[in-house]
Amino acid sequence: MAQQPYLYELTYIINGALSDEQIKNTVQRVTKYIEENGGQVREIDEWGTRRLAYPINKKRNGYYVNLYFEAPGELIPKLERAMEISDEILRYLTLRMDAKMIRHYERRKAGAAAEADA
């Protein structure tokens, strides 16, 4: 029996010492992993390189990526395991969006669309 897909928000930090090409490949690899395992990516928001609040593995900078996607629940442990063993990814946080978070996400998207039209 297939599970109903839920909406998730995934934020992860890529090692800031990597080249632009390596960062781009890491983002594509995570996106491809989600899509190959039954998920559908809605939006990728790359925040860019920022200073970390505290050193992680002796690194002071990281490349932040925020990703919204739909997927069945059984994908999340597999995805988190793949991110855990990846040397490029320093930290990650996966949130299953509840009704309030979904309303906020849709309002934000509608506001951005209205600004683009104006």
PDB file of N, CA and C in Angstrom:
ATOM      1  N   MET A   1       0.833  -1.174   0.000  1.00  0.00           N
ATOM      2  CA  MET A   1       0.000   0.000   0.000  1.00  0.00           C
ATOM      3  C   MET A   1       0.887   1.251   0.000  1.00  0.00           C
ATOM      4  N   ALA A   2       0.693   2.100  -0.983  1.00  0.00           N
ATOM      5  CA  ALA A   2       1.509   3.306  -1.107  1.00  0.00           C
ATOM      6  C   ALA A   2       1.019   4.380  -0.142  1.00  0.00           C
ATOM      7  N   GLN A   3       1.956   5.066   0.456  1.00  0.00           N
ATOM      8  CA  GLN A   3       1.603   6.130   1.389  1.00  0.00           C
ATOM      9  C   GLN A   3       1.243   7.396   0.635  1.00  0.00           C
ATOM     10  N   GLN A   4       0.426   8.206   1.280  1.00  0.00           N
ATOM     11  CA  GLN A   4       0.079   9.507   0.728  1.00  0.00           C
ATOM     12  C   GLN A   4       1.316  10.406   0.780  1.00  0.00           C
ATOM     13  N   PRO A   5       1.584  11.143  -0.280  1.00  0.00           N
ATOM     14  CA  PRO A   5       2.751  12.027  -0.214  1.00  0.00           C
ATOM     15  C   PRO A   5       2.481  13.236   0.686  1.00  0.00           C
ATOM     16  N   TYR A   6       3.486  13.592   1.455  1.00  0.00           N
ATOM     17  CA  TYR A   6       3.426  14.761   2.319  1.00  0.00           C
ATOM     18  C   TYR A   6       4.324  15.840   1.747  1.00  0.00           C
ATOM     19  N   LEU A   7       4.116  17.067   2.197  1.00  0.00           N
ATOM     20  CA  LEU A   7       4.964  18.179   1.790  1.00  0.00           C
ATOM     21  C   LEU A   7       6.048  18.354   2.846  1.00  0.00           C
ATOM     22  N   TYR A   8       7.293  18.437   2.393  1.00  0.00           N
ATOM     23  CA  TYR A   8       8.443  18.564   3.292  1.00  0.00           C
ATOM     24  C   TYR A   8       9.254  19.801   2.942  1.00  0.00           C
ATOM     25  N   GLU A   9       9.935  20.316   3.953  1.00  0.00           N
ATOM     26  CA  GLU A   9      10.924  21.383   3.768  1.00  0.00           C
ATOM     27  C   GLU A   9      12.260  20.817   4.236  1.00  0.00           C
ATOM     28  N   LEU A  10      13.252  20.886   3.377  1.00  0.00           N
ATOM     29  CA  LEU A  10      14.586  20.382   3.694  1.00  0.00           C
ATOM     30  C   LEU A  10      15.578  21.530   3.555  1.00  0.00           C
ATOM     31  N   THR A  11      16.303  21.796   4.613  1.00  0.00           N
ATOM     32  CA  THR A  11      17.368  22.796   4.574  1.00  0.00           C
ATOM     33  C   THR A  11      18.666  22.066   4.867  1.00  0.00           C
ATOM     34  N   TYR A  12      19.653  22.275   4.001  1.00  0.00           N
ATOM     35  CA  TYR A  12      20.942  21.637   4.249  1.00  0.00           C
ATOM     36  C   TYR A  12      22.073  22.587   3.921  1.00  0.00           C
ATOM     37  N   ILE A  13      23.232  22.309   4.542  1.00  0.00           N
ATOM     38  CA  ILE A  13      24.414  23.155   4.391  1.00  0.00           C
ATOM     39  C   ILE A  13      25.503  22.329   3.717  1.00  0.00           C
ATOM     40  N   ILE A  14      26.015  22.848   2.619  1.00  0.00           N
ATOM     41  CA  ILE A  14      27.094  22.205   1.869  1.00  0.00           C
ATOM     42  C   ILE A  14      28.410  22.861   2.279  1.00  0.00           C
ATOM     43  N   ASN A  15      29.457  22.071   2.324  1.00  0.00           N
ATOM     44  CA  ASN A  15      30.790  22.563   2.656  1.00  0.00           C
ATOM     45  C   ASN A  15      31.129  23.774   1.779  1.00  0.00           C
ATOM     46  N   GLY A  16      31.407  24.906   2.402  1.00  0.00           N
ATOM     47  CA  GLY A  16      31.697  26.141   1.676  1.00  0.00           C
ATOM     48  C   GLY A  16      33.034  26.150   0.969  1.00  0.00           C
ATOM     49  N   ALA A  17      33.911  25.185   1.281  1.00  0.00           N
ATOM     50  CA  ALA A  17      35.230  25.131   0.647  1.00  0.00           C
ATOM     51  C   ALA A  17      35.180  24.481  -0.737  1.00  0.00           C
ATOM     52  N   LEU A  18      34.038  23.933  -1.127  1.00  0.00           N
ATOM     53  CA  LEU A  18      33.928  23.286  -2.437  1.00  0.00           C
ATOM     54  C   LEU A  18      33.820  24.329  -3.542  1.00  0.00           C
ATOM     55  N   SER A  19      34.163  23.921  -4.745  1.00  0.00           N
ATOM     56  CA  SER A  19      34.051  24.822  -5.898  1.00  0.00           C
ATOM     57  C   SER A  19      32.582  24.982  -6.280  1.00  0.00           C
ATOM     58  N   ASP A  20      32.292  25.990  -7.089  1.00  0.00           N
ATOM     59  CA  ASP A  20      30.916  26.228  -7.539  1.00  0.00           C
ATOM     60  C   ASP A  20      30.355  25.020  -8.286  1.00  0.00           C
ATOM     61  N   GLU A  21      31.184  24.382  -9.082  1.00  0.00           N
ATOM     62  CA  GLU A  21      30.749  23.206  -9.840  1.00  0.00           C
ATOM     63  C   GLU A  21      30.405  22.042  -8.911  1.00  0.00           C
ATOM     64  N   GLN A  22      31.210  21.836  -7.877  1.00  0.00           N
ATOM     65  CA  GLN A  22      30.941  20.760  -6.926  1.00  0.00           C
ATOM     66  C   GLN A  22      29.657  21.032  -6.130  1.00  0.00           C
ATOM     67  N   ILE A  23      29.429  22.287  -5.773  1.00  0.00           N
ATOM     68  CA  ILE A  23      28.207  22.658  -5.057  1.00  0.00           C
ATOM     69  C   ILE A  23      26.996  22.408  -5.949  1.00  0.00           C
ATOM     70  N   LYS A  24      27.097  22.836  -7.195  1.00  0.00           N
ATOM     71  CA  LYS A  24      26.002  22.629  -8.155  1.00  0.00           C
ATOM     72  C   LYS A  24      25.704  21.138  -8.318  1.00  0.00           C
ATOM     73  N   ASN A  25      26.737  20.310  -8.414  1.00  0.00           N
ATOM     74  CA  ASN A  25      26.556  18.865  -8.547  1.00  0.00           C
ATOM     75  C   ASN A  25      25.908  18.256  -7.303  1.00  0.00           C
ATOM     76  N   THR A  26      26.261  18.745  -6.126  1.00  0.00           N
ATOM     77  CA  THR A  26      25.673  18.245  -4.880  1.00  0.00           C
ATOM     78  C   THR A  26      24.186  18.572  -4.826  1.00  0.00           C
ATOM     79  N   VAL A  27      23.806  19.798  -5.190  1.00  0.00           N
ATOM     80  CA  VAL A  27      22.393  20.188  -5.213  1.00  0.00           C
ATOM     81  C   VAL A  27      21.627  19.323  -6.208  1.00  0.00           C
ATOM     82  N   GLN A  28      22.207  19.098  -7.382  1.00  0.00           N
ATOM     83  CA  GLN A  28      21.557  18.253  -8.389  1.00  0.00           C
ATOM     84  C   GLN A  28      21.433  16.812  -7.908  1.00  0.00           C
ATOM     85  N   ARG A  29      22.436  16.325  -7.201  1.00  0.00           N
ATOM     86  CA  ARG A  29      22.413  14.942  -6.714  1.00  0.00           C
ATOM     87  C   ARG A  29      21.299  14.742  -5.684  1.00  0.00           C
ATOM     88  N   VAL A  30      21.121  15.700  -4.776  1.00  0.00           N
ATOM     89  CA  VAL A  30      20.055  15.601  -3.781  1.00  0.00           C
ATOM     90  C   VAL A  30      18.687  15.658  -4.471  1.00  0.00           C
ATOM     91  N   THR A  31      18.522  16.565  -5.411  1.00  0.00           N
ATOM     92  CA  THR A  31      17.264  16.693  -6.150  1.00  0.00           C
ATOM     93  C   THR A  31      16.960  15.411  -6.923  1.00  0.00           C
ATOM     94  N   LYS A  32      17.965  14.883  -7.591  1.00  0.00           N
ATOM     95  CA  LYS A  32      17.787  13.655  -8.369  1.00  0.00           C
ATOM     96  C   LYS A  32      17.426  12.484  -7.460  1.00  0.00           C
ATOM     97  N   TYR A  33      18.030  12.405  -6.290  1.00  0.00           N
ATOM     98  CA  TYR A  33      17.742  11.328  -5.343  1.00  0.00           C
ATOM     99  C   TYR A  33      16.277  11.360  -4.923  1.00  0.00           C
ATOM    100  N   ILE A  34      15.770  12.554  -4.644  1.00  0.00           N
ATOM    101  CA  ILE A  34      14.368  12.699  -4.247  1.00  0.00           C
ATOM    102  C   ILE A  34      13.450  12.252  -5.384  1.00  0.00           C
ATOM    103  N   GLU A  35      13.728  12.713  -6.595  1.00  0.00           N
ATOM    104  CA  GLU A  35      12.866  12.395  -7.733  1.00  0.00           C
ATOM    105  C   GLU A  35      12.926  10.917  -8.111  1.00  0.00           C
ATOM    106  N   GLU A  36      14.076  10.297  -7.986  1.00  0.00           N
ATOM    107  CA  GLU A  36      14.208   8.882  -8.332  1.00  0.00           C
ATOM    108  C   GLU A  36      13.519   7.969  -7.323  1.00  0.00           C
ATOM    109  N   ASN A  37      13.285   8.456  -6.114  1.00  0.00           N
ATOM    110  CA  ASN A  37      12.675   7.637  -5.068  1.00  0.00           C
ATOM    111  C   ASN A  37      11.222   8.022  -4.789  1.00  0.00           C
ATOM    112  N   GLY A  38      10.545   8.565  -5.769  1.00  0.00           N
ATOM    113  CA  GLY A  38       9.111   8.810  -5.650  1.00  0.00           C
ATOM    114  C   GLY A  38       8.715  10.182  -5.167  1.00  0.00           C
ATOM    115  N   GLY A  39       9.638  11.102  -5.062  1.00  0.00           N
ATOM    116  CA  GLY A  39       9.323  12.461  -4.624  1.00  0.00           C
ATOM    117  C   GLY A  39       9.201  13.409  -5.799  1.00  0.00           C
ATOM    118  N   GLN A  40       8.650  14.579  -5.530  1.00  0.00           N
ATOM    119  CA  GLN A  40       8.520  15.612  -6.552  1.00  0.00           C
ATOM    120  C   GLN A  40       8.976  16.938  -5.947  1.00  0.00           C
ATOM    121  N   VAL A  41      10.015  17.523  -6.518  1.00  0.00           N
ATOM    122  CA  VAL A  41      10.563  18.777  -6.005  1.00  0.00           C
ATOM    123  C   VAL A  41       9.683  19.928  -6.471  1.00  0.00           C
ATOM    124  N   ARG A  42       9.252  20.758  -5.523  1.00  0.00           N
ATOM    125  CA  ARG A  42       8.428  21.929  -5.852  1.00  0.00           C
ATOM    126  C   ARG A  42       9.273  23.180  -6.063  1.00  0.00           C
ATOM    127  N   GLU A  43      10.247  23.380  -5.185  1.00  0.00           N
ATOM    128  CA  GLU A  43      11.020  24.620  -5.229  1.00  0.00           C
ATOM    129  C   GLU A  43      12.391  24.399  -4.606  1.00  0.00           C
ATOM    130  N   ILE A  44      13.414  24.981  -5.243  1.00  0.00           N
ATOM    131  CA  ILE A  44      14.772  24.972  -4.693  1.00  0.00           C
ATOM    132  C   ILE A  44      15.172  26.430  -4.499  1.00  0.00           C
ATOM    133  N   ASP A  45      15.532  26.774  -3.289  1.00  0.00           N
ATOM    134  CA  ASP A  45      15.941  28.132  -2.956  1.00  0.00           C
ATOM    135  C   ASP A  45      17.365  28.082  -2.429  1.00  0.00           C
ATOM    136  N   GLU A  46      18.311  28.530  -3.242  1.00  0.00           N
ATOM    137  CA  GLU A  46      19.720  28.529  -2.845  1.00  0.00           C
ATOM    138  C   GLU A  46      20.037  29.871  -2.198  1.00  0.00           C
ATOM    139  N   TRP A  47      20.365  29.835  -0.912  1.00  0.00           N
ATOM    140  CA  TRP A  47      20.657  31.043  -0.162  1.00  0.00           C
ATOM    141  C   TRP A  47      22.086  31.519  -0.368  1.00  0.00           C
ATOM    142  N   GLY A  48      22.955  30.643  -0.799  1.00  0.00           N
ATOM    143  CA  GLY A  48      24.335  31.023  -1.050  1.00  0.00           C
ATOM    144  C   GLY A  48      25.238  30.761   0.144  1.00  0.00           C
ATOM    145  N   THR A  49      26.469  31.254   0.032  1.00  0.00           N
ATOM    146  CA  THR A  49      27.472  31.038   1.075  1.00  0.00           C
ATOM    147  C   THR A  49      27.264  32.028   2.208  1.00  0.00           C
ATOM    148  N   ARG A  50      27.246  31.487   3.418  1.00  0.00           N
ATOM    149  CA  ARG A  50      27.085  32.309   4.616  1.00  0.00           C
ATOM    150  C   ARG A  50      28.011  31.791   5.709  1.00  0.00           C
ATOM    151  N   ARG A  51      28.300  32.660   6.636  1.00  0.00           N
ATOM    152  CA  ARG A  51      29.129  32.276   7.782  1.00  0.00           C
ATOM    153  C   ARG A  51      28.281  31.457   8.747  1.00  0.00           C
ATOM    154  N   LEU A  52      28.847  30.368   9.238  1.00  0.00           N
ATOM    155  CA  LEU A  52      28.148  29.511  10.184  1.00  0.00           C
ATOM    156  C   LEU A  52      28.158  30.135  11.572  1.00  0.00           C
ATOM    157  N   ALA A  53      27.158  29.832  12.376  1.00  0.00           N
ATOM    158  CA  ALA A  53      27.078  30.361  13.735  1.00  0.00           C
ATOM    159  C   ALA A  53      28.191  29.789  14.606  1.00  0.00           C
ATOM    160  N   TYR A  54      28.604  28.564  14.298  1.00  0.00           N
ATOM    161  CA  TYR A  54      29.693  27.913  15.029  1.00  0.00           C
ATOM    162  C   TYR A  54      30.392  26.973  14.048  1.00  0.00           C
ATOM    163  N   PRO A  55      31.659  26.669  14.272  1.00  0.00           N
ATOM    164  CA  PRO A  55      32.378  25.799  13.335  1.00  0.00           C
ATOM    165  C   PRO A  55      31.778  24.389  13.304  1.00  0.00           C
ATOM    166  N   ILE A  56      31.668  23.840  12.106  1.00  0.00           N
ATOM    167  CA  ILE A  56      31.233  22.459  11.909  1.00  0.00           C
ATOM    168  C   ILE A  56      32.360  21.763  11.157  1.00  0.00           C
ATOM    169  N   ASN A  57      32.938  20.744  11.762  1.00  0.00           N
ATOM    170  CA  ASN A  57      34.081  20.034  11.174  1.00  0.00           C
ATOM    171  C   ASN A  57      35.202  21.007  10.787  1.00  0.00           C
ATOM    172  N   LYS A  58      35.428  21.987  11.642  1.00  0.00           N
ATOM    173  CA  LYS A  58      36.468  23.011  11.458  1.00  0.00           C
ATOM    174  C   LYS A  58      36.213  23.912  10.254  1.00  0.00           C
ATOM    175  N   LYS A  59      34.978  23.970   9.778  1.00  0.00           N
ATOM    176  CA  LYS A  59      34.586  24.845   8.663  1.00  0.00           C
ATOM    177  C   LYS A  59      33.829  26.032   9.235  1.00  0.00           C
ATOM    178  N   ARG A  60      34.092  27.227   8.694  1.00  0.00           N
ATOM    179  CA  ARG A  60      33.440  28.450   9.170  1.00  0.00           C
ATOM    180  C   ARG A  60      32.359  28.946   8.228  1.00  0.00           C
ATOM    181  N   ASN A  61      32.368  28.502   6.957  1.00  0.00           N
ATOM    182  CA  ASN A  61      31.389  28.942   5.966  1.00  0.00           C
ATOM    183  C   ASN A  61      30.684  27.740   5.365  1.00  0.00           C
ATOM    184  N   GLY A  62      29.440  27.962   4.938  1.00  0.00           N
ATOM    185  CA  GLY A  62      28.686  26.902   4.303  1.00  0.00           C
ATOM    186  C   GLY A  62      27.752  27.478   3.263  1.00  0.00           C
ATOM    187  N   TYR A  63      27.383  26.650   2.305  1.00  0.00           N
ATOM    188  CA  TYR A  63      26.448  27.028   1.234  1.00  0.00           C
ATOM    189  C   TYR A  63      25.083  26.473   1.613  1.00  0.00           C
ATOM    190  N   TYR A  64      24.126  27.366   1.854  1.00  0.00           N
ATOM    191  CA  TYR A  64      22.802  26.970   2.331  1.00  0.00           C
ATOM    192  C   TYR A  64      21.846  26.737   1.161  1.00  0.00           C
ATOM    193  N   VAL A  65      21.071  25.650   1.259  1.00  0.00           N
ATOM    194  CA  VAL A  65      20.057  25.326   0.261  1.00  0.00           C
ATOM    195  C   VAL A  65      18.773  24.974   1.002  1.00  0.00           C
ATOM    196  N   ASN A  66      17.656  25.553   0.555  1.00  0.00           N
ATOM    197  CA  ASN A  66      16.337  25.258   1.114  1.00  0.00           C
ATOM    198  C   ASN A  66      15.505  24.645  -0.007  1.00  0.00           C
ATOM    199  N   LEU A  67      14.862  23.518   0.287  1.00  0.00           N
ATOM    200  CA  LEU A  67      14.192  22.726  -0.739  1.00  0.00           C
ATOM    201  C   LEU A  67      12.803  22.342  -0.245  1.00  0.00           C
ATOM    202  N   TYR A  68      11.787  22.527  -1.081  1.00  0.00           N
ATOM    203  CA  TYR A  68      10.431  22.087  -0.778  1.00  0.00           C
ATOM    204  C   TYR A  68      10.098  20.955  -1.721  1.00  0.00           C
ATOM    205  N   PHE A  69       9.574  19.845  -1.172  1.00  0.00           N
ATOM    206  CA  PHE A  69       9.245  18.710  -2.023  1.00  0.00           C
ATOM    207  C   PHE A  69       8.119  17.881  -1.427  1.00  0.00           C
ATOM    208  N   GLU A  70       7.450  17.132  -2.301  1.00  0.00           N
ATOM    209  CA  GLU A  70       6.424  16.184  -1.895  1.00  0.00           C
ATOM    210  C   GLU A  70       7.018  14.799  -2.006  1.00  0.00           C
ATOM    211  N   ALA A  71       6.739  13.955  -1.004  1.00  0.00           N
ATOM    212  CA  ALA A  71       7.284  12.594  -1.029  1.00  0.00           C
ATOM    213  C   ALA A  71       6.534  11.729  -0.027  1.00  0.00           C
ATOM    214  N   PRO A  72       6.537  10.417  -0.261  1.00  0.00           N
ATOM    215  CA  PRO A  72       5.990   9.515   0.754  1.00  0.00           C
ATOM    216  C   PRO A  72       6.925   9.465   1.958  1.00  0.00           C
ATOM    217  N   GLY A  73       6.381   9.124   3.099  1.00  0.00           N
ATOM    218  CA  GLY A  73       7.146   9.131   4.342  1.00  0.00           C
ATOM    219  C   GLY A  73       8.333   8.195   4.361  1.00  0.00           C
ATOM    220  N   GLU A  74       8.258   7.070   3.631  1.00  0.00           N
ATOM    221  CA  GLU A  74       9.370   6.109   3.680  1.00  0.00           C
ATOM    222  C   GLU A  74      10.628   6.619   2.975  1.00  0.00           C
ATOM    223  N   LEU A  75      10.524   7.699   2.198  1.00  0.00           N
ATOM    224  CA  LEU A  75      11.703   8.266   1.532  1.00  0.00           C
ATOM    225  C   LEU A  75      12.611   8.994   2.518  1.00  0.00           C
ATOM    226  N   ILE A  76      12.057   9.604   3.552  1.00  0.00           N
ATOM    227  CA  ILE A  76      12.814  10.498   4.430  1.00  0.00           C
ATOM    228  C   ILE A  76      13.981   9.804   5.132  1.00  0.00           C
ATOM    229  N   PRO A  77      13.805   8.624   5.754  1.00  0.00           N
ATOM    230  CA  PRO A  77      14.980   7.986   6.378  1.00  0.00           C
ATOM    231  C   PRO A  77      16.082   7.651   5.366  1.00  0.00           C
ATOM    232  N   LYS A  78      15.704   7.250   4.156  1.00  0.00           N
ATOM    233  CA  LYS A  78      16.702   6.945   3.121  1.00  0.00           C
ATOM    234  C   LYS A  78      17.455   8.212   2.710  1.00  0.00           C
ATOM    235  N   LEU A  79      16.702   9.298   2.519  1.00  0.00           N
ATOM    236  CA  LEU A  79      17.311  10.573   2.127  1.00  0.00           C
ATOM    237  C   LEU A  79      18.253  11.073   3.217  1.00  0.00           C
ATOM    238  N   GLU A  80      17.815  11.019   4.464  1.00  0.00           N
ATOM    239  CA  GLU A  80      18.661  11.497   5.561  1.00  0.00           C
ATOM    240  C   GLU A  80      19.906  10.635   5.721  1.00  0.00           C
ATOM    241  N   ARG A  81      19.795   9.349   5.481  1.00  0.00           N
ATOM    242  CA  ARG A  81      20.972   8.473   5.545  1.00  0.00           C
ATOM    243  C   ARG A  81      21.965   8.835   4.440  1.00  0.00           C
ATOM    244  N   ALA A  82      21.462   9.087   3.247  1.00  0.00           N
ATOM    245  CA  ALA A  82      22.339   9.479   2.136  1.00  0.00           C
ATOM    246  C   ALA A  82      23.036  10.807   2.439  1.00  0.00           C
ATOM    247  N   MET A  83      22.338  11.737   3.079  1.00  0.00           N
ATOM    248  CA  MET A  83      22.948  13.024   3.409  1.00  0.00           C
ATOM    249  C   MET A  83      23.952  12.874   4.545  1.00  0.00           C
ATOM    250  N   GLU A  84      23.665  11.960   5.467  1.00  0.00           N
ATOM    251  CA  GLU A  84      24.554  11.729   6.606  1.00  0.00           C
ATOM    252  C   GLU A  84      25.920  11.204   6.162  1.00  0.00           C
ATOM    253  N   ILE A  85      25.941  10.316   5.175  1.00  0.00           N
ATOM    254  CA  ILE A  85      27.210   9.719   4.750  1.00  0.00           C
ATOM    255  C   ILE A  85      27.932  10.549   3.696  1.00  0.00           C
ATOM    256  N   SER A  86      27.285  11.601   3.192  1.00  0.00           N
ATOM    257  CA  SER A  86      27.916  12.477   2.210  1.00  0.00           C
ATOM    258  C   SER A  86      28.924  13.396   2.898  1.00  0.00           C
ATOM    259  N   ASP A  87      30.137  13.452   2.370  1.00  0.00           N
ATOM    260  CA  ASP A  87      31.163  14.328   2.934  1.00  0.00           C
ATOM    261  C   ASP A  87      30.912  15.798   2.610  1.00  0.00           C
ATOM    262  N   GLU A  88      30.165  16.074   1.541  1.00  0.00           N
ATOM    263  CA  GLU A  88      29.926  17.456   1.124  1.00  0.00           C
ATOM    264  C   GLU A  88      28.906  18.166   2.006  1.00  0.00           C
ATOM    265  N   ILE A  89      27.963  17.416   2.596  1.00  0.00           N
ATOM    266  CA  ILE A  89      26.876  18.020   3.370  1.00  0.00           C
ATOM    267  C   ILE A  89      27.256  18.035   4.847  1.00  0.00           C
ATOM    268  N   LEU A  90      27.277  19.249   5.422  1.00  0.00           N
ATOM    269  CA  LEU A  90      27.669  19.418   6.815  1.00  0.00           C
ATOM    270  C   LEU A  90      26.507  19.170   7.776  1.00  0.00           C
ATOM    271  N   ARG A  91      25.345  19.736   7.476  1.00  0.00           N
ATOM    272  CA  ARG A  91      24.154  19.601   8.323  1.00  0.00           C
ATOM    273  C   ARG A  91      22.919  19.603   7.441  1.00  0.00           C
ATOM    274  N   TYR A  92      21.826  19.041   7.977  1.00  0.00           N
ATOM    275  CA  TYR A  92      20.547  19.050   7.280  1.00  0.00           C
ATOM    276  C   TYR A  92      19.426  19.043   8.306  1.00  0.00           C
ATOM    277  N   LEU A  93      18.259  19.515   7.895  1.00  0.00           N
ATOM    278  CA  LEU A  93      17.070  19.491   8.739  1.00  0.00           C
ATOM    279  C   LEU A  93      15.873  19.273   7.825  1.00  0.00           C
ATOM    280  N   THR A  94      15.106  18.223   8.105  1.00  0.00           N
ATOM    281  CA  THR A  94      13.922  17.902   7.330  1.00  0.00           C
ATOM    282  C   THR A  94      12.692  18.122   8.190  1.00  0.00           C
ATOM    283  N   LEU A  95      11.737  18.898   7.685  1.00  0.00           N
ATOM    284  CA  LEU A  95      10.496  19.170   8.400  1.00  0.00           C
ATOM    285  C   LEU A  95       9.308  18.727   7.559  1.00  0.00           C
ATOM    286  N   ARG A  96       8.386  17.961   8.154  1.00  0.00           N
ATOM    287  CA  ARG A  96       7.133  17.667   7.472  1.00  0.00           C
ATOM    288  C   ARG A  96       6.201  18.826   7.775  1.00  0.00           C
ATOM    289  N   MET A  97       5.697  19.454   6.741  1.00  0.00           N
ATOM    290  CA  MET A  97       4.902  20.663   6.901  1.00  0.00           C
ATOM    291  C   MET A  97       3.483  20.321   7.334  1.00  0.00           C
ATOM    292  N   ASP A  98       3.027  20.989   8.403  1.00  0.00           N
ATOM    293  CA  ASP A  98       1.641  20.827   8.843  1.00  0.00           C
ATOM    294  C   ASP A  98       0.774  21.860   8.121  1.00  0.00           C
ATOM    295  N   ALA A  99      -0.500  21.905   8.434  1.00  0.00           N
ATOM    296  CA  ALA A  99      -1.436  22.785   7.733  1.00  0.00           C
ATOM    297  C   ALA A  99      -1.037  24.262   7.848  1.00  0.00           C
ATOM    298  N   LYS A 100      -0.587  24.678   9.022  1.00  0.00           N
ATOM    299  CA  LYS A 100      -0.198  26.078   9.221  1.00  0.00           C
ATOM    300  C   LYS A 100       1.024  26.437   8.376  1.00  0.00           C
ATOM    301  N   MET A 101       1.994  25.549   8.336  1.00  0.00           N
ATOM    302  CA  MET A 101       3.196  25.796   7.528  1.00  0.00           C
ATOM    303  C   MET A 101       2.851  25.830   6.035  1.00  0.00           C
ATOM    304  N   ILE A 102       1.939  24.976   5.606  1.00  0.00           N
ATOM    305  CA  ILE A 102       1.534  24.954   4.193  1.00  0.00           C
ATOM    306  C   ILE A 102       0.825  26.250   3.828  1.00  0.00           C
ATOM    307  N   ARG A 103      -0.069  26.747   4.703  1.00  0.00           N
ATOM    308  CA  ARG A 103      -0.739  28.026   4.439  1.00  0.00           C
ATOM    309  C   ARG A 103       0.271  29.160   4.321  1.00  0.00           C
ATOM    310  N   HIS A 104       1.253  29.187   5.217  1.00  0.00           N
ATOM    311  CA  HIS A 104       2.285  30.223   5.169  1.00  0.00           C
ATOM    312  C   HIS A 104       3.086  30.123   3.870  1.00  0.00           C
ATOM    313  N   TYR A 105       3.452  28.912   3.478  1.00  0.00           N
ATOM    314  CA  TYR A 105       4.207  28.685   2.233  1.00  0.00           C
ATOM    315  C   TYR A 105       3.402  29.176   1.031  1.00  0.00           C
ATOM    316  N   GLU A 106       2.107  28.836   0.964  1.00  0.00           N
ATOM    317  CA  GLU A 106       1.281  29.241  -0.172  1.00  0.00           C
ATOM    318  C   GLU A 106       1.056  30.747  -0.204  1.00  0.00           C
ATOM    319  N   ARG A 107       0.902  31.384   0.970  1.00  0.00           N
ATOM    320  CA  ARG A 107       0.772  32.849   1.008  1.00  0.00           C
ATOM    321  C   ARG A 107       2.046  33.531   0.525  1.00  0.00           C
ATOM    322  N   ARG A 108       3.186  33.003   0.962  1.00  0.00           N
ATOM    323  CA  ARG A 108       4.467  33.561   0.533  1.00  0.00           C
ATOM    324  C   ARG A 108       4.636  33.444  -0.976  1.00  0.00           C
ATOM    325  N   LYS A 109       4.255  32.299  -1.534  1.00  0.00           N
ATOM    326  CA  LYS A 109       4.350  32.088  -2.985  1.00  0.00           C
ATOM    327  C   LYS A 109       3.405  33.029  -3.735  1.00  0.00           C
ATOM    328  N   ALA A 110       2.184  33.216  -3.197  1.00  0.00           N
ATOM    329  CA  ALA A 110       1.223  34.105  -3.837  1.00  0.00           C
ATOM    330  C   ALA A 110       1.703  35.553  -3.770  1.00  0.00           C
ATOM    331  N   GLY A 111       2.304  35.947  -2.651  1.00  0.00           N
ATOM    332  CA  GLY A 111       2.853  37.308  -2.525  1.00  0.00           C
ATOM    333  C   GLY A 111       4.001  37.545  -3.473  1.00  0.00           C
ATOM    334  N   ALA A 112       4.861  36.545  -3.644  1.00  0.00           N
ATOM    335  CA  ALA A 112       5.982  36.669  -4.582  1.00  0.00           C
ATOM    336  C   ALA A 112       5.477  36.757  -6.016  1.00  0.00           C
ATOM    337  N   ALA A 113       4.421  36.015  -6.342  1.00  0.00           N
ATOM    338  CA  ALA A 113       3.851  36.051  -7.691  1.00  0.00           C
ATOM    339  C   ALA A 113       3.210  37.413  -7.954  1.00  0.00           C
ATOM    340  N   ALA A 114       2.536  37.984  -6.938  1.00  0.00           N
ATOM    341  CA  ALA A 114       1.921  39.292  -7.091  1.00  0.00           C
ATOM    342  C   ALA A 114       2.968  40.375  -7.300  1.00  0.00           C
ATOM    343  N   GLU A 115       4.090  40.270  -6.577  1.00  0.00           N
ATOM    344  CA  GLU A 115       5.176  41.247  -6.752  1.00  0.00           C
ATOM    345  C   GLU A 115       5.791  41.141  -8.141  1.00  0.00           C
ATOM    346  N   ALA A 116       5.899  39.919  -8.646  1.00  0.00           N
ATOM    347  CA  ALA A 116       6.476  39.722  -9.979  1.00  0.00           C
ATOM    348  C   ALA A 116       5.566  40.295 -11.058  1.00  0.00           C
ATOM    349  N   ASP A 117       4.249  40.226 -10.853  1.00  0.00           N
ATOM    350  CA  ASP A 117       3.295  40.764 -11.831  1.00  0.00           C
ATOM    351  C   ASP A 117       3.272  42.290 -11.825  1.00  0.00           C
ATOM    352  N   ALA A 118       3.565  42.901 -10.671  1.00  0.00           N
ATOM    353  CA  ALA A 118       3.479  44.350 -10.533  1.00  0.00           C
ATOM    354  C   ALA A 118       4.637  45.067 -11.160  1.00  0.00           C
TER     355      ALA A 118
END
